[in-house]
């Protein structure tokens, strides 16, 4: 095996192990419900304050999109902007490396 590909193969094995571990633990948990940090954090603060979840009002109100399609669109837009930014940074680094040669 070429030493050039060791890091890539090691990363691939690590990703596959992580996915397998995630699937294994979720099968053990059974009916595990996954919630976002906003939901979990709000319920934990309400629990610590001795309030019911209905009585708890967050300091900063959270906007909820009118439909699931809009929420998915905004999430995809966020991912696209992040991908463009990451691609630009790597392209800039590659251009700087080629320019200095």
PDB file of N, CA and C in Angstrom:
ATOM      1  N   UNK A   1       0.849  -1.173   0.000  1.00  0.00           N
ATOM      2  CA  UNK A   1       0.000   0.000   0.000  1.00  0.00           C
ATOM      3  C   UNK A   1       0.895   1.236   0.000  1.00  0.00           C
ATOM      4  N   UNK A   2       0.535   2.166  -0.812  1.00  0.00           N
ATOM      5  CA  UNK A   2       1.285   3.396  -0.913  1.00  0.00           C
ATOM      6  C   UNK A   2       1.090   4.243   0.343  1.00  0.00           C
ATOM      7  N   UNK A   3       2.149   4.819   0.879  1.00  0.00           N
ATOM      8  CA  UNK A   3       1.994   5.648   2.074  1.00  0.00           C
ATOM      9  C   UNK A   3       1.150   6.901   1.805  1.00  0.00           C
ATOM     10  N   UNK A   4       0.979   7.194   0.536  1.00  0.00           N
ATOM     11  CA  UNK A   4       0.209   8.377   0.147  1.00  0.00           C
ATOM     12  C   UNK A   4      -1.264   8.229   0.501  1.00  0.00           C
ATOM     13  N   UNK A   5      -1.763   7.020   0.475  1.00  0.00           N
ATOM     14  CA  UNK A   5      -3.190   6.794   0.704  1.00  0.00           C
ATOM     15  C   UNK A   5      -3.521   6.321   2.118  1.00  0.00           C
ATOM     16  N   UNK A   6      -2.548   6.251   2.990  1.00  0.00           N
ATOM     17  CA  UNK A   6      -2.806   5.753   4.342  1.00  0.00           C
ATOM     18  C   UNK A   6      -3.782   6.633   5.107  1.00  0.00           C
ATOM     19  N   UNK A   7      -3.619   7.943   5.020  1.00  0.00           N
ATOM     20  CA  UNK A   7      -4.494   8.852   5.741  1.00  0.00           C
ATOM     21  C   UNK A   7      -5.934   8.762   5.222  1.00  0.00           C
ATOM     22  N   UNK A   8      -6.095   8.665   3.910  1.00  0.00           N
ATOM     23  CA  UNK A   8      -7.433   8.560   3.333  1.00  0.00           C
ATOM     24  C   UNK A   8      -8.116   7.261   3.756  1.00  0.00           C
ATOM     25  N   UNK A   9      -7.375   6.168   3.742  1.00  0.00           N
ATOM     26  CA  UNK A   9      -7.944   4.878   4.133  1.00  0.00           C
ATOM     27  C   UNK A   9      -8.260   4.877   5.634  1.00  0.00           C
ATOM     28  N   UNK A  10      -7.388   5.466   6.442  1.00  0.00           N
ATOM     29  CA  UNK A  10      -7.638   5.565   7.876  1.00  0.00           C
ATOM     30  C   UNK A  10      -8.893   6.416   8.148  1.00  0.00           C
ATOM     31  N   UNK A  11      -9.065   7.513   7.421  1.00  0.00           N
ATOM     32  CA  UNK A  11     -10.258   8.347   7.593  1.00  0.00           C
ATOM     33  C   UNK A  11     -11.511   7.588   7.179  1.00  0.00           C
ATOM     34  N   UNK A  12     -11.446   6.835   6.093  1.00  0.00           N
ATOM     35  CA  UNK A  12     -12.591   6.054   5.634  1.00  0.00           C
ATOM     36  C   UNK A  12     -12.967   4.982   6.661  1.00  0.00           C
ATOM     37  N   UNK A  13     -11.984   4.309   7.214  1.00  0.00           N
ATOM     38  CA  UNK A  13     -12.252   3.294   8.237  1.00  0.00           C
ATOM     39  C   UNK A  13     -12.862   3.946   9.482  1.00  0.00           C
ATOM     40  N   UNK A  14     -12.352   5.108   9.886  1.00  0.00           N
ATOM     41  CA  UNK A  14     -12.894   5.807  11.052  1.00  0.00           C
ATOM     42  C   UNK A  14     -14.347   6.216  10.820  1.00  0.00           C
ATOM     43  N   UNK A  15     -14.667   6.698   9.625  1.00  0.00           N
ATOM     44  CA  UNK A  15     -16.036   7.100   9.304  1.00  0.00           C
ATOM     45  C   UNK A  15     -16.962   5.889   9.321  1.00  0.00           C
ATOM     46  N   UNK A  16     -16.523   4.781   8.740  1.00  0.00           N
ATOM     47  CA  UNK A  16     -17.345   3.574   8.733  1.00  0.00           C
ATOM     48  C   UNK A  16     -17.553   3.036  10.151  1.00  0.00           C
ATOM     49  N   UNK A  17     -16.516   3.087  10.980  1.00  0.00           N
ATOM     50  CA  UNK A  17     -16.669   2.643  12.373  1.00  0.00           C
ATOM     51  C   UNK A  17     -17.636   3.539  13.129  1.00  0.00           C
ATOM     52  N   UNK A  18     -17.554   4.838  12.902  1.00  0.00           N
ATOM     53  CA  UNK A  18     -18.468   5.764  13.564  1.00  0.00           C
ATOM     54  C   UNK A  18     -19.904   5.504  13.136  1.00  0.00           C
ATOM     55  N   UNK A  19     -20.130   5.294  11.840  1.00  0.00           N
ATOM     56  CA  UNK A  19     -21.489   5.008  11.362  1.00  0.00           C
ATOM     57  C   UNK A  19     -21.997   3.693  11.937  1.00  0.00           C
ATOM     58  N   UNK A  20     -21.153   2.679  11.964  1.00  0.00           N
ATOM     59  CA  UNK A  20     -21.557   1.406  12.541  1.00  0.00           C
ATOM     60  C   UNK A  20     -21.862   1.529  14.024  1.00  0.00           C
ATOM     61  N   UNK A  21     -21.059   2.285  14.745  1.00  0.00           N
ATOM     62  CA  UNK A  21     -21.305   2.504  16.171  1.00  0.00           C
ATOM     63  C   UNK A  21     -22.619   3.251  16.388  1.00  0.00           C
ATOM     64  N   UNK A  22     -22.882   4.249  15.551  1.00  0.00           N
ATOM     65  CA  UNK A  22     -24.126   5.010  15.659  1.00  0.00           C
ATOM     66  C   UNK A  22     -25.334   4.110  15.405  1.00  0.00           C
ATOM     67  N   UNK A  23     -25.272   3.279  14.366  1.00  0.00           N
ATOM     68  CA  UNK A  23     -26.387   2.382  14.062  1.00  0.00           C
ATOM     69  C   UNK A  23     -26.562   1.333  15.154  1.00  0.00           C
ATOM     70  N   UNK A  24     -25.452   0.841  15.703  1.00  0.00           N
ATOM     71  CA  UNK A  24     -25.518  -0.158  16.764  1.00  0.00           C
ATOM     72  C   UNK A  24     -26.162   0.419  18.023  1.00  0.00           C
ATOM     73  N   UNK A  25     -25.743   1.612  18.428  1.00  0.00           N
ATOM     74  CA  UNK A  25     -26.305   2.205  19.642  1.00  0.00           C
ATOM     75  C   UNK A  25     -27.761   2.609  19.443  1.00  0.00           C
ATOM     76  N   UNK A  26     -28.132   3.062  18.244  1.00  0.00           N
ATOM     77  CA  UNK A  26     -29.532   3.431  18.034  1.00  0.00           C
ATOM     78  C   UNK A  26     -30.419   2.190  17.994  1.00  0.00           C
ATOM     79  N   UNK A  27     -29.877   1.033  17.587  1.00  0.00           N
ATOM     80  CA  UNK A  27     -30.687  -0.185  17.619  1.00  0.00           C
ATOM     81  C   UNK A  27     -30.857  -0.689  19.051  1.00  0.00           C
ATOM     82  N   UNK A  28     -29.873  -0.437  19.901  1.00  0.00           N
ATOM     83  CA  UNK A  28     -29.979  -0.824  21.307  1.00  0.00           C
ATOM     84  C   UNK A  28     -30.993   0.058  22.024  1.00  0.00           C
ATOM     85  N   UNK A  29     -30.996   1.356  21.700  1.00  0.00           N
ATOM     86  CA  UNK A  29     -31.878   2.308  22.390  1.00  0.00           C
ATOM     87  C   UNK A  29     -33.343   2.077  22.045  1.00  0.00           C
ATOM     88  N   UNK A  30     -33.625   1.487  20.916  1.00  0.00           N
ATOM     89  CA  UNK A  30     -35.011   1.220  20.542  1.00  0.00           C
ATOM     90  C   UNK A  30     -35.717   2.463  20.043  1.00  0.00           C
ATOM     91  N   UNK A  31     -36.697   2.947  20.800  1.00  0.00           N
ATOM     92  CA  UNK A  31     -37.503   4.091  20.377  1.00  0.00           C
ATOM     93  C   UNK A  31     -36.877   5.405  20.815  1.00  0.00           C
ATOM     94  N   UNK A  32     -35.631   5.609  20.515  1.00  0.00           N
ATOM     95  CA  UNK A  32     -34.969   6.849  20.903  1.00  0.00           C
ATOM     96  C   UNK A  32     -35.501   7.992  20.045  1.00  0.00           C
ATOM     97  N   UNK A  33     -35.829   9.082  20.706  1.00  0.00           N
ATOM     98  CA  UNK A  33     -36.282  10.264  19.989  1.00  0.00           C
ATOM     99  C   UNK A  33     -35.132  11.252  19.930  1.00  0.00           C
ATOM    100  N   UNK A  34     -34.848  11.716  18.747  1.00  0.00           N
ATOM    101  CA  UNK A  34     -33.781  12.687  18.578  1.00  0.00           C
ATOM    102  C   UNK A  34     -34.409  14.070  18.497  1.00  0.00           C
ATOM    103  N   UNK A  35     -33.881  14.991  19.270  1.00  0.00           N
ATOM    104  CA  UNK A  35     -34.405  16.351  19.285  1.00  0.00           C
ATOM    105  C   UNK A  35     -33.243  17.315  19.145  1.00  0.00           C
ATOM    106  N   UNK A  36     -33.550  18.510  18.694  1.00  0.00           N
ATOM    107  CA  UNK A  36     -32.536  19.531  18.553  1.00  0.00           C
ATOM    108  C   UNK A  36     -32.115  20.090  19.902  1.00  0.00           C
ATOM    109  N   UNK A  37     -31.028  20.821  19.890  1.00  0.00           N
ATOM    110  CA  UNK A  37     -30.508  21.378  21.137  1.00  0.00           C
ATOM    111  C   UNK A  37     -31.457  22.412  21.729  1.00  0.00           C
ATOM    112  N   UNK A  38     -32.228  23.106  20.897  1.00  0.00           N
ATOM    113  CA  UNK A  38     -33.187  24.086  21.416  1.00  0.00           C
ATOM    114  C   UNK A  38     -34.245  23.397  22.268  1.00  0.00           C
ATOM    115  N   UNK A  39     -34.758  22.287  21.779  1.00  0.00           N
ATOM    116  CA  UNK A  39     -35.798  21.564  22.501  1.00  0.00           C
ATOM    117  C   UNK A  39     -35.258  20.964  23.794  1.00  0.00           C
ATOM    118  N   UNK A  40     -34.119  20.320  23.706  1.00  0.00           N
ATOM    119  CA  UNK A  40     -33.535  19.675  24.879  1.00  0.00           C
ATOM    120  C   UNK A  40     -33.120  20.724  25.911  1.00  0.00           C
ATOM    121  N   UNK A  41     -32.509  21.813  25.447  1.00  0.00           N
ATOM    122  CA  UNK A  41     -32.078  22.871  26.364  1.00  0.00           C
ATOM    123  C   UNK A  41     -33.249  23.538  27.060  1.00  0.00           C
ATOM    124  N   UNK A  42     -34.311  23.829  26.305  1.00  0.00           N
ATOM    125  CA  UNK A  42     -35.487  24.463  26.900  1.00  0.00           C
ATOM    126  C   UNK A  42     -36.137  23.563  27.945  1.00  0.00           C
ATOM    127  N   UNK A  43     -36.239  22.288  27.644  1.00  0.00           N
ATOM    128  CA  UNK A  43     -36.856  21.378  28.609  1.00  0.00           C
ATOM    129  C   UNK A  43     -35.990  21.219  29.855  1.00  0.00           C
ATOM    130  N   UNK A  44     -34.656  21.220  29.689  1.00  0.00           N
ATOM    131  CA  UNK A  44     -33.761  21.090  30.840  1.00  0.00           C
ATOM    132  C   UNK A  44     -33.828  22.348  31.716  1.00  0.00           C
ATOM    133  N   UNK A  45     -33.883  23.540  31.106  1.00  0.00           N
ATOM    134  CA  UNK A  45     -33.992  24.783  31.879  1.00  0.00           C
ATOM    135  C   UNK A  45     -35.323  24.823  32.617  1.00  0.00           C
ATOM    136  N   UNK A  46     -36.393  24.414  31.943  1.00  0.00           N
ATOM    137  CA  UNK A  46     -37.705  24.384  32.594  1.00  0.00           C
ATOM    138  C   UNK A  46     -37.697  23.408  33.772  1.00  0.00           C
ATOM    139  N   UNK A  47     -37.028  22.273  33.599  1.00  0.00           N
ATOM    140  CA  UNK A  47     -36.947  21.284  34.674  1.00  0.00           C
ATOM    141  C   UNK A  47     -36.175  21.838  35.869  1.00  0.00           C
ATOM    142  N   UNK A  48     -35.045  22.503  35.601  1.00  0.00           N
ATOM    143  CA  UNK A  48     -34.233  23.053  36.681  1.00  0.00           C
ATOM    144  C   UNK A  48     -34.930  24.221  37.384  1.00  0.00           C
ATOM    145  N   UNK A  49     -35.734  24.980  36.637  1.00  0.00           N
ATOM    146  CA  UNK A  49     -36.445  26.119  37.221  1.00  0.00           C
ATOM    147  C   UNK A  49     -37.719  25.685  37.929  1.00  0.00           C
ATOM    148  N   UNK A  50     -38.116  24.449  37.767  1.00  0.00           N
ATOM    149  CA  UNK A  50     -39.325  23.953  38.411  1.00  0.00           C
ATOM    150  C   UNK A  50     -40.590  24.361  37.673  1.00  0.00           C
ATOM    151  N   UNK A  51     -40.481  24.621  36.384  1.00  0.00           N
ATOM    152  CA  UNK A  51     -41.634  25.008  35.571  1.00  0.00           C
ATOM    153  C   UNK A  51     -42.018  23.859  34.656  1.00  0.00           C
ATOM    154  N   UNK A  52     -43.254  23.890  34.187  1.00  0.00           N
ATOM    155  CA  UNK A  52     -43.631  22.934  33.150  1.00  0.00           C
ATOM    156  C   UNK A  52     -43.146  23.498  31.820  1.00  0.00           C
ATOM    157  N   UNK A  53     -43.036  22.633  30.825  1.00  0.00           N
ATOM    158  CA  UNK A  53     -42.539  23.084  29.527  1.00  0.00           C
ATOM    159  C   UNK A  53     -43.471  24.097  28.880  1.00  0.00           C
ATOM    160  N   UNK A  54     -44.751  24.057  29.196  1.00  0.00           N
ATOM    161  CA  UNK A  54     -45.704  25.015  28.632  1.00  0.00           C
ATOM    162  C   UNK A  54     -45.530  26.393  29.258  1.00  0.00           C
ATOM    163  N   UNK A  55     -45.119  26.452  30.537  1.00  0.00           N
ATOM    164  CA  UNK A  55     -44.948  27.728  31.227  1.00  0.00           C
ATOM    165  C   UNK A  55     -43.625  28.411  30.900  1.00  0.00           C
ATOM    166  N   UNK A  56     -42.672  27.660  30.398  1.00  0.00           N
ATOM    167  CA  UNK A  56     -41.348  28.224  30.122  1.00  0.00           C
ATOM    168  C   UNK A  56     -41.398  29.093  28.875  1.00  0.00           C
ATOM    169  N   UNK A  57     -40.929  30.315  28.993  1.00  0.00           N
ATOM    170  CA  UNK A  57     -40.818  31.237  27.854  1.00  0.00           C
ATOM    171  C   UNK A  57     -39.342  31.577  27.655  1.00  0.00           C
ATOM    172  N   UNK A  58     -38.778  31.286  26.477  1.00  0.00           N
ATOM    173  CA  UNK A  58     -37.365  31.607  26.254  1.00  0.00           C
ATOM    174  C   UNK A  58     -37.144  33.118  26.226  1.00  0.00           C
ATOM    175  N   UNK A  59     -35.938  33.532  26.579  1.00  0.00           N
ATOM    176  CA  UNK A  59     -35.589  34.948  26.596  1.00  0.00           C
ATOM    177  C   UNK A  59     -35.683  35.549  25.195  1.00  0.00           C
ATOM    178  N   UNK A  60     -35.144  34.827  24.223  1.00  0.00           N
ATOM    179  CA  UNK A  60     -35.191  35.279  22.833  1.00  0.00           C
ATOM    180  C   UNK A  60     -36.185  34.380  22.103  1.00  0.00           C
ATOM    181  N   UNK A  61     -37.265  34.955  21.569  1.00  0.00           N
ATOM    182  CA  UNK A  61     -38.234  34.110  20.865  1.00  0.00           C
ATOM    183  C   UNK A  61     -37.619  33.468  19.619  1.00  0.00           C
ATOM    184  N   UNK A  62     -38.016  32.251  19.360  1.00  0.00           N
ATOM    185  CA  UNK A  62     -37.466  31.515  18.225  1.00  0.00           C
ATOM    186  C   UNK A  62     -38.482  31.524  17.089  1.00  0.00           C
ATOM    187  N   UNK A  63     -38.000  31.870  15.892  1.00  0.00           N
ATOM    188  CA  UNK A  63     -38.859  31.904  14.730  1.00  0.00           C
ATOM    189  C   UNK A  63     -39.004  30.502  14.165  1.00  0.00           C
ATOM    190  N   UNK A  64     -40.216  30.117  13.874  1.00  0.00           N
ATOM    191  CA  UNK A  64     -40.465  28.834  13.234  1.00  0.00           C
ATOM    192  C   UNK A  64     -40.981  29.086  11.829  1.00  0.00           C
ATOM    193  N   UNK A  65     -40.379  28.462  10.830  1.00  0.00           N
ATOM    194  CA  UNK A  65     -40.852  28.660   9.460  1.00  0.00           C
ATOM    195  C   UNK A  65     -42.293  28.188   9.306  1.00  0.00           C
ATOM    196  N   UNK A  66     -43.033  28.806   8.372  1.00  0.00           N
ATOM    197  CA  UNK A  66     -44.437  28.443   8.205  1.00  0.00           C
ATOM    198  C   UNK A  66     -44.667  27.003   7.731  1.00  0.00           C
ATOM    199  N   UNK A  67     -43.698  26.413   7.027  1.00  0.00           N
ATOM    200  CA  UNK A  67     -43.900  25.039   6.555  1.00  0.00           C
ATOM    201  C   UNK A  67     -42.570  24.290   6.557  1.00  0.00           C
ATOM    202  N   UNK A  68     -42.675  22.975   6.445  1.00  0.00           N
ATOM    203  CA  UNK A  68     -41.479  22.133   6.408  1.00  0.00           C
ATOM    204  C   UNK A  68     -40.654  22.348   5.157  1.00  0.00           C
ATOM    205  N   UNK A  69     -41.323  22.717   4.048  1.00  0.00           N
ATOM    206  CA  UNK A  69     -40.598  22.953   2.799  1.00  0.00           C
ATOM    207  C   UNK A  69     -39.694  24.169   2.915  1.00  0.00           C
ATOM    208  N   UNK A  70     -40.185  25.214   3.573  1.00  0.00           N
ATOM    209  CA  UNK A  70     -39.381  26.419   3.743  1.00  0.00           C
ATOM    210  C   UNK A  70     -38.207  26.122   4.671  1.00  0.00           C
ATOM    211  N   UNK A  71     -38.450  25.351   5.701  1.00  0.00           N
ATOM    212  CA  UNK A  71     -37.375  24.973   6.620  1.00  0.00           C
ATOM    213  C   UNK A  71     -36.301  24.178   5.879  1.00  0.00           C
ATOM    214  N   UNK A  72     -36.704  23.232   5.036  1.00  0.00           N
ATOM    215  CA  UNK A  72     -35.744  22.449   4.259  1.00  0.00           C
ATOM    216  C   UNK A  72     -34.982  23.327   3.282  1.00  0.00           C
ATOM    217  N   UNK A  73     -35.685  24.281   2.670  1.00  0.00           N
ATOM    218  CA  UNK A  73     -35.046  25.198   1.719  1.00  0.00           C
ATOM    219  C   UNK A  73     -33.994  26.048   2.427  1.00  0.00           C
ATOM    220  N   UNK A  74     -34.324  26.575   3.592  1.00  0.00           N
ATOM    221  CA  UNK A  74     -33.364  27.391   4.340  1.00  0.00           C
ATOM    222  C   UNK A  74     -32.159  26.570   4.779  1.00  0.00           C
ATOM    223  N   UNK A  75     -32.394  25.327   5.173  1.00  0.00           N
ATOM    224  CA  UNK A  75     -31.293  24.453   5.568  1.00  0.00           C
ATOM    225  C   UNK A  75     -30.387  24.167   4.370  1.00  0.00           C
ATOM    226  N   UNK A  76     -30.988  23.903   3.199  1.00  0.00           N
ATOM    227  CA  UNK A  76     -30.199  23.643   1.997  1.00  0.00           C
ATOM    228  C   UNK A  76     -29.422  24.886   1.583  1.00  0.00           C
ATOM    229  N   UNK A  77     -30.038  26.054   1.719  1.00  0.00           N
ATOM    230  CA  UNK A  77     -29.359  27.309   1.395  1.00  0.00           C
ATOM    231  C   UNK A  77     -28.160  27.523   2.318  1.00  0.00           C
ATOM    232  N   UNK A  78     -28.339  27.246   3.588  1.00  0.00           N
ATOM    233  CA  UNK A  78     -27.246  27.372   4.557  1.00  0.00           C
ATOM    234  C   UNK A  78     -26.106  26.415   4.192  1.00  0.00           C
ATOM    235  N   UNK A  79     -26.446  25.187   3.832  1.00  0.00           N
ATOM    236  CA  UNK A  79     -25.420  24.209   3.448  1.00  0.00           C
ATOM    237  C   UNK A  79     -24.703  24.642   2.177  1.00  0.00           C
ATOM    238  N   UNK A  80     -25.442  25.199   1.210  1.00  0.00           N
ATOM    239  CA  UNK A  80     -24.824  25.642  -0.040  1.00  0.00           C
ATOM    240  C   UNK A  80     -23.868  26.804   0.206  1.00  0.00           C
ATOM    241  N   UNK A  81     -24.283  27.769   1.018  1.00  0.00           N
ATOM    242  CA  UNK A  81     -23.409  28.907   1.315  1.00  0.00           C
ATOM    243  C   UNK A  81     -22.156  28.429   2.045  1.00  0.00           C
ATOM    244  N   UNK A  82     -22.309  27.512   2.985  1.00  0.00           N
ATOM    245  CA  UNK A  82     -21.149  26.958   3.682  1.00  0.00           C
ATOM    246  C   UNK A  82     -20.225  26.211   2.733  1.00  0.00           C
ATOM    247  N   UNK A  83     -20.799  25.439   1.807  1.00  0.00           N
ATOM    248  CA  UNK A  83     -19.985  24.709   0.832  1.00  0.00           C
ATOM    249  C   UNK A  83     -19.236  25.646  -0.098  1.00  0.00           C
ATOM    250  N   UNK A  84     -19.892  26.720  -0.521  1.00  0.00           N
ATOM    251  CA  UNK A  84     -19.225  27.706  -1.379  1.00  0.00           C
ATOM    252  C   UNK A  84     -18.065  28.354  -0.632  1.00  0.00           C
ATOM    253  N   UNK A  85     -18.295  28.701   0.634  1.00  0.00           N
ATOM    254  CA  UNK A  85     -17.236  29.332   1.423  1.00  0.00           C
ATOM    255  C   UNK A  85     -16.051  28.387   1.618  1.00  0.00           C
ATOM    256  N   UNK A  86     -16.326  27.147   1.973  1.00  0.00           N
ATOM    257  CA  UNK A  86     -15.243  26.170   2.176  1.00  0.00           C
ATOM    258  C   UNK A  86     -14.488  25.941   0.866  1.00  0.00           C
ATOM    259  N   UNK A  87     -15.223  25.838  -0.257  1.00  0.00           N
ATOM    260  CA  UNK A  87     -14.574  25.677  -1.556  1.00  0.00           C
ATOM    261  C   UNK A  87     -13.705  26.867  -1.917  1.00  0.00           C
ATOM    262  N   UNK A  88     -14.189  28.071  -1.596  1.00  0.00           N
ATOM    263  CA  UNK A  88     -13.405  29.273  -1.879  1.00  0.00           C
ATOM    264  C   UNK A  88     -12.117  29.283  -1.063  1.00  0.00           C
ATOM    265  N   UNK A  89     -12.201  28.907   0.216  1.00  0.00           N
ATOM    266  CA  UNK A  89     -11.009  28.893   1.078  1.00  0.00           C
ATOM    267  C   UNK A  89      -9.987  27.890   0.550  1.00  0.00           C
ATOM    268  N   UNK A  90     -10.445  26.676   0.216  1.00  0.00           N
ATOM    269  CA  UNK A  90      -9.498  25.684  -0.311  1.00  0.00           C
ATOM    270  C   UNK A  90      -8.928  26.119  -1.649  1.00  0.00           C
ATOM    271  N   UNK A  91      -9.733  26.743  -2.499  1.00  0.00           N
ATOM    272  CA  UNK A  91      -9.227  27.255  -3.769  1.00  0.00           C
ATOM    273  C   UNK A  91      -8.212  28.360  -3.580  1.00  0.00           C
ATOM    274  N   UNK A  92      -8.462  29.224  -2.599  1.00  0.00           N
ATOM    275  CA  UNK A  92      -7.528  30.299  -2.295  1.00  0.00           C
ATOM    276  C   UNK A  92      -6.199  29.730  -1.818  1.00  0.00           C
ATOM    277  N   UNK A  93      -6.274  28.739  -0.917  1.00  0.00           N
ATOM    278  CA  UNK A  93      -5.044  28.116  -0.424  1.00  0.00           C
ATOM    279  C   UNK A  93      -4.276  27.436  -1.561  1.00  0.00           C
ATOM    280  N   UNK A  94      -4.999  26.759  -2.429  1.00  0.00           N
ATOM    281  CA  UNK A  94      -4.349  26.087  -3.556  1.00  0.00           C
ATOM    282  C   UNK A  94      -3.700  27.114  -4.489  1.00  0.00           C
ATOM    283  N   UNK A  95      -4.399  28.221  -4.735  1.00  0.00           N
ATOM    284  CA  UNK A  95      -3.843  29.280  -5.585  1.00  0.00           C
ATOM    285  C   UNK A  95      -2.622  29.907  -4.959  1.00  0.00           C
ATOM    286  N   UNK A  96      -2.626  30.118  -3.643  1.00  0.00           N
ATOM    287  CA  UNK A  96      -1.465  30.686  -2.971  1.00  0.00           C
ATOM    288  C   UNK A  96      -0.286  29.712  -3.046  1.00  0.00           C
ATOM    289  N   UNK A  97      -0.573  28.429  -2.923  1.00  0.00           N
ATOM    290  CA  UNK A  97       0.496  27.435  -2.983  1.00  0.00           C
ATOM    291  C   UNK A  97       1.101  27.393  -4.380  1.00  0.00           C
ATOM    292  N   UNK A  98       0.257  27.441  -5.406  1.00  0.00           N
ATOM    293  CA  UNK A  98       0.768  27.395  -6.784  1.00  0.00           C
ATOM    294  C   UNK A  98       1.486  28.683  -7.155  1.00  0.00           C
ATOM    295  N   UNK A  99       1.054  29.812  -6.609  1.00  0.00           N
ATOM    296  CA  UNK A  99       1.670  31.084  -6.939  1.00  0.00           C
ATOM    297  C   UNK A  99       3.072  31.198  -6.356  1.00  0.00           C
ATOM    298  N   UNK A 100       3.277  30.600  -5.192  1.00  0.00           N
ATOM    299  CA  UNK A 100       4.570  30.728  -4.520  1.00  0.00           C
ATOM    300  C   UNK A 100       5.644  29.815  -5.114  1.00  0.00           C
ATOM    301  N   UNK A 101       5.249  28.906  -5.975  1.00  0.00           N
ATOM    302  CA  UNK A 101       6.222  27.952  -6.559  1.00  0.00           C
ATOM    303  C   UNK A 101       7.038  28.587  -7.629  1.00  0.00           C
TER     304      UNK A 101
END
